[in-house]
Amino acid sequence: QVQLVESGGGLVQHGGSLRLSCAASGSFFSTYGMAWYRQAPGKQLELVASITSGLSTNYVDSVKGRFTISRDNTRNTVYLQMSSLKPEDTAVYHCNAKRALWGKAVDYWGQGTQVTVSS
């Protein structure tokens, strides 16, 4: 039932910045745990950053200090501000929502947005 639409990806030079956005449907966005995952070619899906309904955040070590996840509950949107981008950040970035449903955590996924960082 939760629909997620990512935007903001693109081609950027190393050292540059991008801000990804994920717009979510529904009336209960503020209760969802939100996260950004990425998948680079030939690699497994990787959790990049997460933010809880209580605004607690976590980051994979490789992006700490460079990426910031945030949410605007008035707009049903989660953001990933990416700075000092590296070629290793090249991946398809997916928005994820974790919803409590029938006592269980249910995951929803966006289509993904491509981020390409040139050398």
Protein backbone atom coordinates (compact mmCIF):
# COMPACT_ATOMS: atom_id res chain seq x y z
CA GLN A 1 0.00 0.00 0.00
CA VAL A 2 2.97 2.32 0.54
CA GLN A 3 4.30 3.77 -2.69
CA LEU A 4 7.76 5.29 -2.82
CA VAL A 5 9.09 7.44 -5.63
CA GLU A 6 12.75 8.43 -5.70
CA SER A 7 14.23 11.37 -7.53
CA GLY A 8 17.40 13.40 -7.67
CA GLY A 9 19.85 10.92 -9.09
CA GLY A 10 22.13 11.71 -11.95
CA LEU A 11 25.67 12.06 -13.15
CA VAL A 12 28.04 14.06 -10.99
CA GLN A 13 31.76 14.65 -10.90
CA HIS A 14 33.80 13.26 -8.03
CA GLY A 15 33.70 15.64 -5.09
CA GLY A 16 30.29 16.89 -6.07
CA SER A 17 26.97 16.72 -4.29
CA LEU A 18 23.51 15.37 -4.91
CA ARG A 19 20.33 15.30 -2.89
CA LEU A 20 18.06 12.33 -3.33
CA SER A 21 14.40 12.58 -2.45
CA CYS A 22 11.88 9.87 -1.73
CA ALA A 23 8.22 10.79 -1.67
CA ALA A 24 5.91 8.38 0.11
CA SER A 25 2.20 7.88 -0.10
CA GLY A 26 -0.11 7.31 2.81
CA SER A 27 -1.22 8.99 5.99
CA PHE A 28 1.19 7.33 8.40
CA PHE A 29 4.56 8.38 7.01
CA SER A 30 5.73 9.77 10.33
CA THR A 31 5.49 6.30 11.87
CA TYR A 32 7.62 4.58 9.22
CA GLY A 33 11.25 3.76 9.57
CA MET A 34 12.95 5.01 6.42
CA ALA A 35 16.20 4.05 4.80
CA TRP A 36 18.33 4.36 1.71
CA TYR A 37 19.95 1.31 0.20
CA ARG A 38 22.23 1.09 -2.78
CA GLN A 39 23.32 -1.60 -5.15
CA ALA A 40 26.41 -1.22 -7.26
CA PRO A 41 27.00 -3.44 -10.30
CA GLY A 42 27.99 -6.92 -9.22
CA LYS A 43 27.54 -6.15 -5.54
CA GLN A 44 24.96 -6.94 -2.92
CA LEU A 45 22.34 -4.52 -1.76
CA GLU A 46 23.85 -2.30 0.94
CA LEU A 47 22.15 -0.32 3.66
CA VAL A 48 23.50 3.21 3.38
CA ALA A 49 21.51 5.21 5.90
CA SER A 50 18.41 4.89 8.01
CA ILE A 51 16.21 7.16 10.07
CA THR A 52 13.59 6.07 12.55
CA SER A 53 10.29 7.66 13.39
CA GLY A 54 12.09 9.09 16.42
CA LEU A 55 14.77 10.64 14.15
CA SER A 56 17.55 8.33 15.21
CA THR A 57 19.99 7.88 12.31
CA ASN A 58 22.57 5.32 11.28
CA TYR A 59 25.07 5.25 8.44
CA VAL A 60 27.34 2.73 6.87
CA ASP A 61 30.93 3.60 7.76
CA SER A 62 31.91 4.43 4.21
CA VAL A 63 29.52 7.39 4.03
CA LYS A 64 29.77 8.79 7.54
CA GLY A 65 30.56 12.48 7.46
CA ARG A 66 29.57 12.73 3.81
CA PHE A 67 25.93 11.70 3.67
CA THR A 68 23.02 12.95 5.74
CA ILE A 69 19.60 11.36 5.90
CA SER A 70 16.65 13.47 6.97
CA ARG A 71 12.90 13.46 6.77
CA ASP A 72 10.16 16.01 6.43
CA ASN A 73 6.99 14.50 7.77
CA THR A 74 4.89 17.42 6.52
CA ARG A 75 5.87 16.48 2.97
CA ASN A 76 6.01 12.69 3.40
CA THR A 77 9.55 12.85 2.12
CA VAL A 78 12.89 11.44 3.12
CA TYR A 79 16.14 12.88 1.78
CA LEU A 80 19.67 11.74 1.35
CA GLN A 81 22.10 14.62 1.05
CA MET A 82 25.30 13.30 -0.48
CA SER A 83 28.48 15.33 -0.47
CA SER A 84 32.09 14.68 -1.41
CA LEU A 85 30.90 11.98 -3.76
CA LYS A 86 33.31 9.29 -4.85
CA PRO A 87 33.23 6.91 -7.80
CA GLU A 88 32.65 4.12 -5.28
CA ASP A 89 29.28 5.72 -4.50
CA THR A 90 28.05 4.87 -7.98
CA ALA A 91 24.99 2.67 -7.60
CA VAL A 92 21.26 2.49 -7.90
CA TYR A 93 19.86 4.03 -4.75
CA HIS A 94 16.61 2.63 -3.40
CA CYS A 95 14.28 4.14 -0.85
CA ASN A 96 12.91 1.76 1.76
CA ALA A 97 10.05 2.12 4.19
CA LYS A 98 9.50 -0.19 7.11
CA ARG A 99 5.94 -0.25 8.35
CA ALA A 100 4.45 -1.95 11.36
CA LEU A 101 1.57 -3.99 10.02
CA TRP A 102 -0.27 -6.69 11.93
CA GLY A 103 2.50 -6.72 14.48
CA LYS A 104 5.18 -7.33 11.86
CA ALA A 105 7.65 -5.12 10.04
CA VAL A 106 6.77 -4.91 6.36
CA ASP A 107 9.18 -3.44 3.82
CA TYR A 108 8.31 -1.29 0.82
CA TRP A 109 10.68 -0.29 -1.94
CA GLY A 110 10.96 2.42 -4.52
CA GLN A 111 12.05 1.83 -8.09
CA GLY A 112 15.47 3.30 -7.51
CA THR A 113 17.42 6.20 -8.91
CA GLN A 114 20.81 5.95 -10.58
CA VAL A 115 23.73 7.85 -9.12
CA THR A 116 26.87 7.90 -11.21
CA VAL A 117 30.03 9.58 -9.97
CA SER A 118 32.72 10.13 -12.56
CA SER A 119 36.41 9.71 -11.79
